[in-house]
């Protein structure tokens, strides 16, 4: 059974960690603020109006941003397995 990660992070440290988890095969679902998104979308360099910084850190990640994004954690919690890592 695969690992599913709900990514509520933004900018660098969190997206870097979830990028690594996605690279190792985890299904990563990234939630962003509706209408705003991750701050990293504004970081240069840009190509065709898209932040390459953002694209690199969020590759292999399913990104969700809608008015209903607040419901996703509730839906995921019903099937979640919580793990505490020390």
Protein backbone atom coordinates (compact mmCIF):
# COMPACT_ATOMS: atom_id res chain seq x y z
CA UNK A 1 0.00 0.00 0.00
CA UNK A 2 1.38 3.41 -0.95
CA UNK A 3 1.96 6.42 1.24
CA UNK A 4 -0.19 9.52 0.76
CA UNK A 5 1.10 12.85 2.10
CA UNK A 6 -1.06 15.91 2.61
CA UNK A 7 1.23 18.91 2.04
CA UNK A 8 0.11 22.11 3.78
CA UNK A 9 3.56 23.71 3.55
CA UNK A 10 4.85 26.62 1.49
CA UNK A 11 8.09 28.27 0.28
CA UNK A 12 11.17 26.00 0.81
CA UNK A 13 11.63 23.53 3.67
CA UNK A 14 8.25 21.79 3.55
CA UNK A 15 7.98 21.59 -0.24
CA UNK A 16 11.55 20.26 -0.38
CA UNK A 17 10.67 17.46 2.05
CA UNK A 18 7.48 16.54 0.21
CA UNK A 19 9.39 16.66 -3.10
CA UNK A 20 11.76 14.03 -1.70
CA UNK A 21 8.83 11.91 -0.50
CA UNK A 22 7.22 12.17 -3.95
CA UNK A 23 10.53 11.22 -5.58
CA UNK A 24 10.53 8.08 -3.39
CA UNK A 25 7.04 7.16 -4.55
CA UNK A 26 4.63 8.83 -2.12
CA UNK A 27 1.42 10.35 -3.45
CA UNK A 28 1.67 14.01 -2.42
CA UNK A 29 -1.37 16.29 -2.41
CA UNK A 30 -0.42 19.95 -1.97
CA UNK A 31 -3.06 22.36 -0.76
CA UNK A 32 -2.68 26.05 -1.53
CA UNK A 33 -4.61 29.12 -0.52
CA UNK A 34 -7.38 29.78 -3.05
CA UNK A 35 -6.61 32.73 -5.30
CA UNK A 36 -3.12 33.17 -3.83
CA UNK A 37 -1.29 29.87 -3.98
CA UNK A 38 2.19 29.26 -2.62
CA UNK A 39 4.40 32.36 -2.18
CA UNK A 40 7.08 30.53 -4.14
CA UNK A 41 5.04 31.05 -7.33
CA UNK A 42 6.40 34.63 -7.27
CA UNK A 43 10.10 33.66 -6.97
CA UNK A 44 12.41 34.04 -10.02
CA UNK A 45 13.65 32.76 -12.37
CA UNK A 46 10.60 32.64 -14.64
CA UNK A 47 9.98 30.93 -17.94
CA UNK A 48 6.80 31.77 -19.84
CA UNK A 49 5.48 33.50 -16.71
CA UNK A 50 5.94 30.45 -14.47
CA UNK A 51 8.37 30.30 -11.54
CA UNK A 52 10.97 27.62 -12.21
CA UNK A 53 11.80 27.66 -8.48
CA UNK A 54 8.20 26.69 -7.68
CA UNK A 55 7.95 24.10 -10.47
CA UNK A 56 11.18 22.41 -9.37
CA UNK A 57 10.13 22.08 -5.72
CA UNK A 58 6.63 20.91 -6.54
CA UNK A 59 7.27 18.40 -9.29
CA UNK A 60 5.39 15.10 -9.01
CA UNK A 61 2.86 16.78 -6.70
CA UNK A 62 -0.89 17.07 -7.19
CA UNK A 63 -1.72 20.73 -6.50
CA UNK A 64 -5.18 21.75 -5.34
CA UNK A 65 -6.41 25.30 -4.94
CA UNK A 66 -10.14 25.99 -4.89
CA UNK A 67 -12.79 27.43 -2.57
CA UNK A 68 -13.35 23.86 -1.32
CA UNK A 69 -9.71 23.20 -0.47
CA UNK A 70 -10.50 23.45 3.27
CA UNK A 71 -12.56 20.25 2.99
CA UNK A 72 -9.66 18.13 1.74
CA UNK A 73 -7.97 17.63 5.15
CA UNK A 74 -11.30 16.46 6.59
CA UNK A 75 -11.76 13.95 3.77
CA UNK A 76 -8.19 12.69 4.08
CA UNK A 77 -8.39 12.39 7.87
CA UNK A 78 -10.96 9.63 7.64
CA UNK A 79 -8.38 7.30 6.05
CA UNK A 80 -5.23 8.75 7.59
CA UNK A 81 -2.57 6.91 9.49
CA UNK A 82 -0.73 9.38 11.69
CA UNK A 83 2.95 8.78 12.32
CA UNK A 84 5.15 10.70 14.70
CA UNK A 85 8.78 10.79 13.69
CA UNK A 86 11.40 11.75 16.25
